[in-house]
Amino acid sequence: MHHRTKGTGANPLRRDADRTRTRMHAAFALTCLLAVIAGFALGRAAWTDGHRTAENIARHRHTVTATTIGETGYRAGDQPSSRPVSVATATWHYPSQRPHTETIPVPAGTRNGDTVRVWVDGNGSAATAPPGRADVALNAVGVGTGALAGIVLAGGALVAVRLRIVDARSARAWESEWAGVEPLWSGRLRPGHGPGDD
């Protein structure tokens, strides 16, 4: 019996289904490793692109001092679940002597005649602040984590489906083999055999 158990896969108790399960678990482990590598690579690419975009936007955005010329009001936030934003009409000059008057977000409690800092684009119109490092990092982490989770979930689903198929085939094979062995093992007669039949 010793010579039959030498070598990889020579165990007589190890079935094809067992080998398939081992391969599927190894494939899932490899998928997880590839997911980590892909998530890191995509996150790094998103960081590089986001940082470059933020620098480009920052070159064309400026802060100017604006003076409010109206009372503070409230405007709904950008998202349905976001809080209202306090706004006021303000005026400023950019570039040089070109006047601008717009309704802009202001700190709560701003009064008529107060000065506030406002971001403007190259034409002097009100604009959003350039993305900060935290925004770029958060986006990069989101991209990387999303890619990692997507690959792991897809790989896990495929492996789970394959293992269910293997388990179903293995159960059918066991039932078939047991139907042939059980009468001999238990001493029960199979249908169609008499007491003296062998």
N, C-alpha and C. Protein backbone atom coordinates (compact mmCIF):
# COMPACT_ATOMS: atom_id res chain seq x y z
N MET A 1 0.82 -1.20 0.00
CA MET A 1 0.00 0.00 0.00
C MET A 1 0.85 1.25 0.00
N HIS A 2 2.10 1.15 0.54
CA HIS A 2 2.97 2.32 0.64
C HIS A 2 3.24 2.93 -0.74
N HIS A 3 3.45 2.11 -1.75
CA HIS A 3 3.77 2.65 -3.08
C HIS A 3 2.59 3.39 -3.69
N ARG A 4 1.37 3.11 -3.24
CA ARG A 4 0.20 3.78 -3.81
C ARG A 4 -0.02 5.17 -3.22
N THR A 5 0.59 5.46 -2.08
CA THR A 5 0.38 6.77 -1.46
C THR A 5 1.51 7.74 -1.72
N LYS A 6 2.52 7.32 -2.50
CA LYS A 6 3.62 8.24 -2.80
C LYS A 6 3.20 9.21 -3.90
N GLY A 7 3.76 10.41 -3.87
CA GLY A 7 3.54 11.37 -4.94
C GLY A 7 2.30 12.22 -4.68
N THR A 8 2.24 13.35 -5.42
CA THR A 8 1.13 14.28 -5.26
C THR A 8 -0.13 13.69 -5.85
N GLY A 9 -1.22 13.76 -5.12
CA GLY A 9 -2.50 13.30 -5.63
C GLY A 9 -2.65 11.80 -5.67
N ALA A 10 -1.74 11.04 -5.02
CA ALA A 10 -1.81 9.58 -5.08
C ALA A 10 -2.62 9.00 -3.94
N ASN A 11 -3.16 9.82 -3.05
CA ASN A 11 -3.96 9.31 -1.95
C ASN A 11 -5.22 8.67 -2.50
N PRO A 12 -5.45 7.36 -2.22
CA PRO A 12 -6.62 6.70 -2.80
C PRO A 12 -7.93 7.23 -2.23
N LEU A 13 -7.90 7.89 -1.08
CA LEU A 13 -9.12 8.45 -0.50
C LEU A 13 -9.44 9.83 -1.05
N ARG A 14 -8.51 10.40 -1.80
CA ARG A 14 -8.71 11.75 -2.35
C ARG A 14 -9.42 11.63 -3.69
N ARG A 15 -10.59 12.22 -3.78
CA ARG A 15 -11.42 12.10 -4.98
C ARG A 15 -11.20 13.31 -5.90
N ASP A 16 -11.73 13.18 -7.11
CA ASP A 16 -11.63 14.29 -8.07
C ASP A 16 -12.29 15.55 -7.51
N ALA A 17 -13.41 15.37 -6.79
CA ALA A 17 -14.10 16.53 -6.21
C ALA A 17 -13.21 17.24 -5.20
N ASP A 18 -12.43 16.46 -4.43
CA ASP A 18 -11.52 17.06 -3.44
C ASP A 18 -10.44 17.87 -4.14
N ARG A 19 -9.91 17.33 -5.22
CA ARG A 19 -8.88 18.05 -5.97
C ARG A 19 -9.45 19.33 -6.59
N THR A 20 -10.69 19.24 -7.07
CA THR A 20 -11.33 20.43 -7.66
C THR A 20 -11.55 21.50 -6.59
N ARG A 21 -11.98 21.07 -5.40
CA ARG A 21 -12.17 22.05 -4.31
C ARG A 21 -10.85 22.73 -3.95
N THR A 22 -9.78 21.96 -3.90
CA THR A 22 -8.46 22.55 -3.60
C THR A 22 -8.07 23.57 -4.66
N ARG A 23 -8.30 23.20 -5.93
CA ARG A 23 -7.98 24.14 -7.02
C ARG A 23 -8.83 25.41 -6.93
N MET A 24 -10.11 25.26 -6.58
CA MET A 24 -11.00 26.42 -6.47
C MET A 24 -10.57 27.34 -5.33
N HIS A 25 -10.17 26.76 -4.20
CA HIS A 25 -9.70 27.59 -3.08
C HIS A 25 -8.39 28.31 -3.44
N ALA A 26 -7.53 27.60 -4.17
CA ALA A 26 -6.28 28.24 -4.61
C ALA A 26 -6.58 29.36 -5.61
N ALA A 27 -7.55 29.13 -6.49
CA ALA A 27 -7.93 30.17 -7.47
C ALA A 27 -8.50 31.39 -6.76
N PHE A 28 -9.29 31.16 -5.70
CA PHE A 28 -9.85 32.29 -4.97
C PHE A 28 -8.75 33.07 -4.25
N ALA A 29 -7.78 32.35 -3.68
CA ALA A 29 -6.66 33.03 -3.02
C ALA A 29 -5.88 33.87 -4.03
N LEU A 30 -5.68 33.32 -5.23
CA LEU A 30 -4.98 34.07 -6.28
C LEU A 30 -5.80 35.28 -6.71
N THR A 31 -7.12 35.11 -6.79
CA THR A 31 -8.00 36.23 -7.14
C THR A 31 -7.89 37.35 -6.12
N CYS A 32 -7.83 36.98 -4.84
CA CYS A 32 -7.70 37.99 -3.77
C CYS A 32 -6.37 38.74 -3.91
N LEU A 33 -5.31 38.01 -4.22
CA LEU A 33 -4.00 38.65 -4.40
C LEU A 33 -4.04 39.61 -5.59
N LEU A 34 -4.63 39.15 -6.70
CA LEU A 34 -4.74 40.02 -7.88
C LEU A 34 -5.63 41.22 -7.59
N ALA A 35 -6.66 41.03 -6.78
CA ALA A 35 -7.55 42.14 -6.42
C ALA A 35 -6.80 43.20 -5.64
N VAL A 36 -5.94 42.77 -4.72
CA VAL A 36 -5.14 43.73 -3.95
C VAL A 36 -4.21 44.52 -4.87
N ILE A 37 -3.56 43.80 -5.79
CA ILE A 37 -2.64 44.47 -6.73
C ILE A 37 -3.39 45.44 -7.62
N ALA A 38 -4.55 44.99 -8.16
CA ALA A 38 -5.34 45.86 -9.05
C ALA A 38 -5.89 47.05 -8.28
N GLY A 39 -6.38 46.83 -7.06
CA GLY A 39 -6.91 47.93 -6.25
C GLY A 39 -5.83 48.97 -5.95
N PHE A 40 -4.63 48.48 -5.60
CA PHE A 40 -3.53 49.41 -5.33
C PHE A 40 -3.16 50.20 -6.58
N ALA A 41 -3.06 49.49 -7.73
CA ALA A 41 -2.67 50.17 -8.98
C ALA A 41 -3.71 51.21 -9.39
N LEU A 42 -4.99 50.85 -9.31
CA LEU A 42 -6.04 51.80 -9.70
C LEU A 42 -6.13 52.96 -8.72
N GLY A 43 -5.97 52.67 -7.43
CA GLY A 43 -5.97 53.75 -6.44
C GLY A 43 -4.82 54.72 -6.65
N ARG A 44 -3.64 54.17 -6.97
CA ARG A 44 -2.47 55.03 -7.23
C ARG A 44 -2.68 55.87 -8.49
N ALA A 45 -3.27 55.25 -9.53
CA ALA A 45 -3.55 56.00 -10.76
C ALA A 45 -4.57 57.11 -10.49
N ALA A 46 -5.60 56.81 -9.68
CA ALA A 46 -6.60 57.83 -9.34
C ALA A 46 -5.96 58.96 -8.54
N TRP A 47 -5.03 58.62 -7.63
CA TRP A 47 -4.33 59.65 -6.86
C TRP A 47 -3.51 60.54 -7.77
N THR A 48 -2.75 59.94 -8.70
CA THR A 48 -1.91 60.71 -9.62
C THR A 48 -2.75 61.62 -10.50
N ASP A 49 -3.82 61.06 -11.10
CA ASP A 49 -4.68 61.86 -11.97
C ASP A 49 -5.40 62.95 -11.18
N GLY A 50 -5.91 62.61 -9.99
CA GLY A 50 -6.62 63.59 -9.18
C GLY A 50 -5.71 64.71 -8.73
N HIS A 51 -4.47 64.36 -8.35
CA HIS A 51 -3.51 65.38 -7.92
C HIS A 51 -3.17 66.32 -9.08
N ARG A 52 -2.96 65.75 -10.27
CA ARG A 52 -2.66 66.56 -11.45
C ARG A 52 -3.83 67.48 -11.79
N THR A 53 -5.06 66.93 -11.73
CA THR A 53 -6.24 67.73 -12.02
C THR A 53 -6.41 68.85 -11.00
N ALA A 54 -6.19 68.53 -9.73
CA ALA A 54 -6.32 69.55 -8.68
C ALA A 54 -5.31 70.68 -8.87
N GLU A 55 -4.08 70.32 -9.25
CA GLU A 55 -3.06 71.35 -9.49
C GLU A 55 -3.45 72.22 -10.67
N ASN A 56 -3.99 71.60 -11.71
CA ASN A 56 -4.41 72.35 -12.90
C ASN A 56 -5.56 73.30 -12.55
N ILE A 57 -6.52 72.83 -11.75
CA ILE A 57 -7.63 73.69 -11.35
C ILE A 57 -7.13 74.83 -10.47
N ALA A 58 -6.21 74.50 -9.56
CA ALA A 58 -5.70 75.52 -8.64
C ALA A 58 -4.99 76.65 -9.37
N ARG A 59 -4.36 76.33 -10.52
CA ARG A 59 -3.68 77.38 -11.29
C ARG A 59 -4.66 78.39 -11.87
N HIS A 60 -5.93 78.00 -12.04
CA HIS A 60 -6.92 78.88 -12.65
C HIS A 60 -7.96 79.39 -11.65
N ARG A 61 -7.75 79.12 -10.37
CA ARG A 61 -8.66 79.62 -9.34
C ARG A 61 -7.92 80.58 -8.43
N HIS A 62 -8.64 81.59 -7.97
CA HIS A 62 -8.03 82.61 -7.10
C HIS A 62 -9.05 82.96 -6.01
N THR A 63 -8.54 83.47 -4.92
CA THR A 63 -9.45 83.97 -3.89
C THR A 63 -9.41 85.50 -3.92
N VAL A 64 -10.57 86.07 -3.78
CA VAL A 64 -10.69 87.54 -3.74
C VAL A 64 -11.56 87.90 -2.53
N THR A 65 -11.47 89.16 -2.13
CA THR A 65 -12.31 89.65 -1.04
C THR A 65 -13.58 90.22 -1.62
N ALA A 66 -14.71 89.70 -1.14
CA ALA A 66 -16.02 90.18 -1.61
C ALA A 66 -16.74 90.86 -0.44
N THR A 67 -17.61 91.78 -0.79
CA THR A 67 -18.40 92.50 0.22
C THR A 67 -19.86 92.16 0.02
N THR A 68 -20.53 91.72 1.08
CA THR A 68 -21.95 91.37 0.96
C THR A 68 -22.77 92.65 0.82
N ILE A 69 -23.79 92.56 -0.04
CA ILE A 69 -24.65 93.73 -0.27
C ILE A 69 -26.11 93.37 -0.03
N GLY A 70 -26.33 92.27 0.63
CA GLY A 70 -27.70 91.85 0.94
C GLY A 70 -27.71 91.01 2.20
N GLU A 71 -28.91 90.71 2.67
CA GLU A 71 -29.07 89.90 3.87
C GLU A 71 -28.78 88.43 3.55
N THR A 72 -28.40 87.71 4.58
CA THR A 72 -28.13 86.29 4.42
C THR A 72 -29.43 85.51 4.30
N GLY A 73 -29.44 84.58 3.35
CA GLY A 73 -30.59 83.69 3.18
C GLY A 73 -30.10 82.25 3.19
N TYR A 74 -30.99 81.35 2.84
CA TYR A 74 -30.63 79.92 2.82
C TYR A 74 -31.04 79.31 1.49
N ARG A 75 -30.18 78.40 1.03
CA ARG A 75 -30.43 77.70 -0.22
C ARG A 75 -30.28 76.21 0.06
N ALA A 76 -31.08 75.39 -0.61
CA ALA A 76 -30.99 73.94 -0.42
C ALA A 76 -29.61 73.46 -0.85
N GLY A 77 -29.12 72.42 -0.18
CA GLY A 77 -27.82 71.85 -0.51
C GLY A 77 -27.84 71.15 -1.85
N ASP A 78 -26.65 70.74 -2.30
CA ASP A 78 -26.54 70.07 -3.60
C ASP A 78 -27.22 68.71 -3.60
N GLN A 79 -27.16 68.00 -2.49
CA GLN A 79 -27.77 66.68 -2.38
C GLN A 79 -29.09 66.79 -1.62
N PRO A 80 -30.05 65.89 -1.91
CA PRO A 80 -31.34 65.97 -1.20
C PRO A 80 -31.20 65.85 0.32
N SER A 81 -30.21 65.10 0.78
CA SER A 81 -30.06 64.90 2.22
C SER A 81 -29.13 65.92 2.88
N SER A 82 -28.52 66.81 2.09
CA SER A 82 -27.58 67.77 2.67
C SER A 82 -28.32 68.94 3.32
N ARG A 83 -27.62 69.59 4.25
CA ARG A 83 -28.21 70.70 5.00
C ARG A 83 -28.28 71.96 4.12
N PRO A 84 -29.22 72.86 4.42
CA PRO A 84 -29.28 74.12 3.68
C PRO A 84 -27.98 74.92 3.86
N VAL A 85 -27.64 75.70 2.84
CA VAL A 85 -26.42 76.50 2.84
C VAL A 85 -26.80 77.97 2.98
N SER A 86 -26.09 78.70 3.87
CA SER A 86 -26.36 80.13 3.99
C SER A 86 -25.68 80.86 2.84
N VAL A 87 -26.43 81.75 2.18
CA VAL A 87 -25.93 82.49 1.02
C VAL A 87 -26.27 83.98 1.16
N ALA A 88 -25.52 84.78 0.42
CA ALA A 88 -25.80 86.23 0.39
C ALA A 88 -25.29 86.77 -0.94
N THR A 89 -25.89 87.86 -1.38
CA THR A 89 -25.41 88.53 -2.59
C THR A 89 -24.19 89.34 -2.21
N ALA A 90 -23.13 89.23 -3.02
CA ALA A 90 -21.88 89.92 -2.72
C ALA A 90 -21.31 90.50 -4.01
N THR A 91 -20.41 91.44 -3.86
CA THR A 91 -19.77 92.06 -5.01
C THR A 91 -18.25 92.05 -4.81
N TRP A 92 -17.53 91.93 -5.92
CA TRP A 92 -16.06 91.94 -5.88
C TRP A 92 -15.55 92.37 -7.25
N HIS A 93 -14.26 92.63 -7.31
CA HIS A 93 -13.63 93.04 -8.57
C HIS A 93 -12.52 92.04 -8.92
N TYR A 94 -12.64 91.43 -10.12
CA TYR A 94 -11.59 90.55 -10.64
C TYR A 94 -11.91 90.27 -12.11
N PRO A 95 -10.93 90.32 -12.98
CA PRO A 95 -9.58 90.86 -12.74
C PRO A 95 -9.61 92.39 -12.65
N SER A 96 -8.67 92.86 -11.94
CA SER A 96 -8.44 94.28 -11.71
C SER A 96 -9.73 95.03 -11.39
N GLN A 97 -10.26 95.87 -12.31
CA GLN A 97 -11.42 96.72 -12.00
C GLN A 97 -12.74 96.15 -12.51
N ARG A 98 -12.75 94.91 -12.96
CA ARG A 98 -14.00 94.33 -13.49
C ARG A 98 -14.92 93.91 -12.35
N PRO A 99 -16.11 94.53 -12.23
CA PRO A 99 -17.00 94.21 -11.10
C PRO A 99 -17.81 92.94 -11.36
N HIS A 100 -18.08 92.22 -10.28
CA HIS A 100 -18.93 91.02 -10.33
C HIS A 100 -19.88 91.07 -9.15
N THR A 101 -21.12 90.66 -9.39
CA THR A 101 -22.11 90.56 -8.32
C THR A 101 -22.83 89.23 -8.47
N GLU A 102 -22.74 88.40 -7.43
CA GLU A 102 -23.38 87.08 -7.46
C GLU A 102 -23.82 86.69 -6.06
N THR A 103 -24.70 85.70 -6.03
CA THR A 103 -25.09 85.11 -4.75
C THR A 103 -24.13 83.96 -4.46
N ILE A 104 -23.46 84.04 -3.31
CA ILE A 104 -22.43 83.06 -2.98
C ILE A 104 -22.67 82.47 -1.60
N PRO A 105 -22.14 81.29 -1.32
CA PRO A 105 -22.21 80.75 0.04
C PRO A 105 -21.37 81.61 0.98
N VAL A 106 -21.91 81.87 2.15
CA VAL A 106 -21.19 82.66 3.17
C VAL A 106 -21.33 81.97 4.52
N PRO A 107 -20.45 82.29 5.45
CA PRO A 107 -20.60 81.71 6.79
C PRO A 107 -21.90 82.16 7.44
N ALA A 108 -22.47 81.28 8.26
CA ALA A 108 -23.70 81.64 8.97
C ALA A 108 -23.43 82.87 9.84
N GLY A 109 -24.38 83.77 9.90
CA GLY A 109 -24.24 84.98 10.71
C GLY A 109 -23.61 86.15 9.96
N THR A 110 -23.29 85.97 8.67
CA THR A 110 -22.74 87.09 7.88
C THR A 110 -23.80 88.16 7.72
N ARG A 111 -23.39 89.43 7.91
CA ARG A 111 -24.33 90.55 7.81
C ARG A 111 -24.06 91.37 6.55
N ASN A 112 -24.98 92.23 6.24
CA ASN A 112 -24.83 93.14 5.10
C ASN A 112 -23.61 94.03 5.35
N GLY A 113 -22.69 94.07 4.35
CA GLY A 113 -21.49 94.89 4.46
C GLY A 113 -20.27 94.14 4.97
N ASP A 114 -20.43 92.89 5.38
CA ASP A 114 -19.27 92.10 5.83
C ASP A 114 -18.42 91.68 4.63
N THR A 115 -17.15 91.46 4.88
CA THR A 115 -16.28 90.96 3.82
C THR A 115 -16.07 89.45 4.00
N VAL A 116 -16.04 88.76 2.87
CA VAL A 116 -15.82 87.31 2.87
C VAL A 116 -14.83 86.98 1.75
N ARG A 117 -14.16 85.84 1.91
CA ARG A 117 -13.26 85.37 0.85
C ARG A 117 -14.06 84.46 -0.08
N VAL A 118 -13.85 84.64 -1.38
CA VAL A 118 -14.58 83.83 -2.37
C VAL A 118 -13.60 83.34 -3.43
N TRP A 119 -13.78 82.11 -3.85
CA TRP A 119 -12.98 81.56 -4.95
C TRP A 119 -13.62 81.98 -6.26
N VAL A 120 -12.75 82.40 -7.21
CA VAL A 120 -13.24 82.79 -8.53
C VAL A 120 -12.38 82.11 -9.60
N ASP A 121 -12.95 81.98 -10.80
CA ASP A 121 -12.18 81.41 -11.90
C ASP A 121 -11.43 82.51 -12.64
N GLY A 122 -10.84 82.20 -13.78
CA GLY A 122 -10.05 83.18 -14.52
C GLY A 122 -10.84 84.36 -15.03
N ASN A 123 -12.18 84.20 -15.17
CA ASN A 123 -13.02 85.30 -15.62
C ASN A 123 -13.57 86.14 -14.47
N GLY A 124 -13.31 85.69 -13.25
CA GLY A 124 -13.80 86.43 -12.09
C GLY A 124 -15.13 85.93 -11.57
N SER A 125 -15.72 84.90 -12.20
CA SER A 125 -16.99 84.35 -11.72
C SER A 125 -16.75 83.44 -10.52
N ALA A 126 -17.74 83.39 -9.63
CA ALA A 126 -17.62 82.55 -8.44
C ALA A 126 -17.43 81.09 -8.85
N ALA A 127 -16.56 80.40 -8.15
CA ALA A 127 -16.25 79.01 -8.47
C ALA A 127 -16.00 78.24 -7.18
N THR A 128 -15.98 76.94 -7.29
CA THR A 128 -15.68 76.12 -6.12
C THR A 128 -14.18 76.12 -5.86
N ALA A 129 -13.80 75.83 -4.64
CA ALA A 129 -12.38 75.74 -4.29
C ALA A 129 -11.77 74.53 -5.00
N PRO A 130 -10.49 74.61 -5.35
CA PRO A 130 -9.84 73.44 -5.97
C PRO A 130 -9.83 72.27 -4.99
N PRO A 131 -9.88 71.05 -5.50
CA PRO A 131 -9.87 69.89 -4.59
C PRO A 131 -8.61 69.88 -3.74
N GLY A 132 -8.76 69.59 -2.47
CA GLY A 132 -7.62 69.50 -1.57
C GLY A 132 -7.03 68.10 -1.59
N ARG A 133 -5.91 67.93 -0.90
CA ARG A 133 -5.25 66.61 -0.84
C ARG A 133 -6.17 65.57 -0.21
N ALA A 134 -6.95 65.98 0.78
CA ALA A 134 -7.86 65.03 1.44
C ALA A 134 -8.92 64.53 0.46
N ASP A 135 -9.45 65.43 -0.39
CA ASP A 135 -10.45 65.03 -1.38
C ASP A 135 -9.85 64.06 -2.40
N VAL A 136 -8.64 64.39 -2.86
CA VAL A 136 -7.97 63.52 -3.83
C VAL A 136 -7.68 62.16 -3.21
N ALA A 137 -7.20 62.15 -1.97
CA ALA A 137 -6.88 60.89 -1.29
C ALA A 137 -8.15 60.06 -1.07
N LEU A 138 -9.23 60.71 -0.66
CA LEU A 138 -10.48 59.99 -0.43
C LEU A 138 -10.99 59.36 -1.72
N ASN A 139 -10.89 60.09 -2.82
CA ASN A 139 -11.31 59.54 -4.11
C ASN A 139 -10.44 58.36 -4.51
N ALA A 140 -9.12 58.49 -4.32
CA ALA A 140 -8.21 57.40 -4.67
C ALA A 140 -8.48 56.15 -3.84
N VAL A 141 -8.71 56.34 -2.54
CA VAL A 141 -9.03 55.20 -1.68
C VAL A 141 -10.35 54.56 -2.11
N GLY A 142 -11.32 55.38 -2.48
CA GLY A 142 -12.60 54.85 -2.94
C GLY A 142 -12.46 54.03 -4.20
N VAL A 143 -11.68 54.53 -5.16
CA VAL A 143 -11.46 53.80 -6.42
C VAL A 143 -10.76 52.47 -6.15
N GLY A 144 -9.68 52.53 -5.37
CA GLY A 144 -8.93 51.31 -5.07
C GLY A 144 -9.75 50.29 -4.31
N THR A 145 -10.48 50.74 -3.29
CA THR A 145 -11.30 49.84 -2.49
C THR A 145 -12.43 49.26 -3.32
N GLY A 146 -13.03 50.10 -4.17
CA GLY A 146 -14.11 49.61 -5.03
C GLY A 146 -13.64 48.54 -5.99
N ALA A 147 -12.46 48.76 -6.59
CA ALA A 147 -11.91 47.76 -7.51
C ALA A 147 -11.60 46.47 -6.77
N LEU A 148 -10.97 46.57 -5.60
CA LEU A 148 -10.64 45.38 -4.81
C LEU A 148 -11.90 44.60 -4.45
N ALA A 149 -12.91 45.31 -3.93
CA ALA A 149 -14.15 44.64 -3.52
C ALA A 149 -14.86 44.01 -4.71
N GLY A 150 -14.89 44.71 -5.84
CA GLY A 150 -15.56 44.18 -7.03
C GLY A 150 -14.92 42.90 -7.52
N ILE A 151 -13.58 42.88 -7.57
CA ILE A 151 -12.87 41.69 -8.06
C ILE A 151 -13.05 40.52 -7.08
N VAL A 152 -12.94 40.79 -5.78
CA VAL A 152 -13.09 39.73 -4.79
C VAL A 152 -14.51 39.16 -4.82
N LEU A 153 -15.51 40.04 -4.92
CA LEU A 153 -16.90 39.57 -4.95
C LEU A 153 -17.19 38.76 -6.21
N ALA A 154 -16.70 39.23 -7.36
CA ALA A 154 -16.92 38.49 -8.60
C ALA A 154 -16.21 37.14 -8.56
N GLY A 155 -14.96 37.14 -8.12
CA GLY A 155 -14.22 35.87 -8.02
C GLY A 155 -14.86 34.94 -7.02
N GLY A 156 -15.28 35.46 -5.87
CA GLY A 156 -15.93 34.64 -4.85
C GLY A 156 -17.23 34.04 -5.35
N ALA A 157 -18.01 34.83 -6.11
CA ALA A 157 -19.27 34.31 -6.65
C ALA A 157 -19.01 33.17 -7.64
N LEU A 158 -18.03 33.35 -8.52
CA LEU A 158 -17.71 32.29 -9.49
C LEU A 158 -17.23 31.02 -8.78
N VAL A 159 -16.38 31.18 -7.80
CA VAL A 159 -15.88 30.02 -7.05
C VAL A 159 -17.02 29.34 -6.30
N ALA A 160 -17.90 30.12 -5.69
CA ALA A 160 -19.03 29.55 -4.95
C ALA A 160 -19.95 28.75 -5.87
N VAL A 161 -20.21 29.29 -7.06
CA VAL A 161 -21.06 28.56 -8.02
C VAL A 161 -20.39 27.27 -8.43
N ARG A 162 -19.09 27.34 -8.74
CA ARG A 162 -18.36 26.13 -9.14
C ARG A 162 -18.34 25.10 -8.02
N LEU A 163 -18.16 25.51 -6.78
CA LEU A 163 -18.14 24.58 -5.66
C LEU A 163 -19.50 23.94 -5.44
N ARG A 164 -20.58 24.69 -5.66
CA ARG A 164 -21.93 24.11 -5.54
C ARG A 164 -22.14 23.03 -6.59
N ILE A 165 -21.64 23.27 -7.81
CA ILE A 165 -21.75 22.26 -8.87
C ILE A 165 -20.96 21.02 -8.49
N VAL A 166 -19.74 21.23 -7.99
CA VAL A 166 -18.89 20.10 -7.58
C VAL A 166 -19.55 19.32 -6.45
N ASP A 167 -20.11 20.03 -5.46
CA ASP A 167 -20.77 19.36 -4.34
C ASP A 167 -21.97 18.54 -4.81
N ALA A 168 -22.75 19.10 -5.74
CA ALA A 168 -23.92 18.38 -6.25
C ALA A 168 -23.49 17.11 -6.99
N ARG A 169 -22.46 17.21 -7.84
CA ARG A 169 -21.97 16.03 -8.55
C ARG A 169 -21.40 15.00 -7.58
N SER A 170 -20.68 15.48 -6.58
CA SER A 170 -20.09 14.58 -5.58
C SER A 170 -21.18 13.83 -4.81
N ALA A 171 -22.25 14.54 -4.44
CA ALA A 171 -23.35 13.89 -3.71
C ALA A 171 -24.02 12.82 -4.57
N ARG A 172 -24.23 13.14 -5.86
CA ARG A 172 -24.83 12.14 -6.76
C ARG A 172 -23.93 10.92 -6.91
N ALA A 173 -22.61 11.15 -7.01
CA ALA A 173 -21.67 10.03 -7.14
C ALA A 173 -21.66 9.18 -5.87
N TRP A 174 -21.71 9.82 -4.70
CA TRP A 174 -21.74 9.07 -3.45
C TRP A 174 -23.01 8.22 -3.37
N GLU A 175 -24.13 8.78 -3.74
CA GLU A 175 -25.39 8.02 -3.70
C GLU A 175 -25.33 6.81 -4.62
N SER A 176 -24.78 7.02 -5.80
CA SER A 176 -24.69 5.92 -6.76
C SER A 176 -23.76 4.82 -6.24
N GLU A 177 -22.61 5.22 -5.70
CA GLU A 177 -21.67 4.24 -5.18
C GLU A 177 -22.22 3.53 -3.93
N TRP A 178 -22.91 4.29 -3.08
CA TRP A 178 -23.47 3.69 -1.88
C TRP A 178 -24.58 2.70 -2.21
N ALA A 179 -25.35 2.99 -3.26
CA ALA A 179 -26.40 2.06 -3.67
C ALA A 179 -25.80 0.72 -4.08
N GLY A 180 -24.58 0.70 -4.62
CA GLY A 180 -23.93 -0.55 -4.99
C GLY A 180 -23.24 -1.23 -3.83
N VAL A 181 -22.77 -0.48 -2.85
CA VAL A 181 -22.00 -1.05 -1.74
C VAL A 181 -22.87 -1.40 -0.55
N GLU A 182 -23.88 -0.60 -0.27
CA GLU A 182 -24.67 -0.75 0.95
C GLU A 182 -25.28 -2.13 1.14
N PRO A 183 -25.87 -2.77 0.10
CA PRO A 183 -26.45 -4.10 0.33
C PRO A 183 -25.40 -5.12 0.76
N LEU A 184 -24.22 -5.08 0.19
CA LEU A 184 -23.16 -6.01 0.57
C LEU A 184 -22.64 -5.71 1.97
N TRP A 185 -22.51 -4.45 2.27
CA TRP A 185 -21.96 -4.03 3.56
C TRP A 185 -22.93 -4.33 4.70
N SER A 186 -24.22 -4.09 4.45
CA SER A 186 -25.21 -4.28 5.50
C SER A 186 -25.72 -5.71 5.58
N GLY A 187 -25.48 -6.52 4.52
CA GLY A 187 -25.98 -7.89 4.50
C GLY A 187 -27.39 -7.99 3.96
N ARG A 188 -27.99 -6.87 3.56
CA ARG A 188 -29.34 -6.92 2.98
C ARG A 188 -29.25 -7.48 1.57
N LEU A 189 -30.26 -8.17 1.15
CA LEU A 189 -30.31 -8.71 -0.21
C LEU A 189 -30.73 -7.61 -1.16
N ARG A 190 -30.11 -7.60 -2.31
CA ARG A 190 -30.52 -6.67 -3.34
C ARG A 190 -31.76 -7.22 -4.04
N PRO A 191 -32.59 -6.39 -4.62
CA PRO A 191 -33.79 -6.88 -5.33
C PRO A 191 -33.36 -7.82 -6.45
N GLY A 192 -34.07 -8.98 -6.54
CA GLY A 192 -33.80 -9.92 -7.62
C GLY A 192 -32.79 -10.99 -7.26
N HIS A 193 -32.25 -10.96 -6.02
CA HIS A 193 -31.29 -11.97 -5.60
C HIS A 193 -31.90 -12.87 -4.54
N GLY A 194 -31.62 -14.14 -4.66
CA GLY A 194 -32.10 -15.09 -3.66
C GLY A 194 -31.06 -15.30 -2.59
N PRO A 195 -31.42 -16.09 -1.54
CA PRO A 195 -30.50 -16.33 -0.43
C PRO A 195 -29.23 -17.03 -0.86
N GLY A 196 -29.30 -17.87 -1.87
CA GLY A 196 -28.08 -18.60 -2.26
C GLY A 196 -27.31 -17.94 -3.37
N ASP A 197 -27.76 -16.75 -3.87
CA ASP A 197 -27.07 -16.10 -4.98
C ASP A 197 -25.87 -15.31 -4.47
N ASP A 198 -24.80 -15.34 -5.26
CA ASP A 198 -23.63 -14.53 -4.92
C ASP A 198 -23.26 -13.64 -6.07
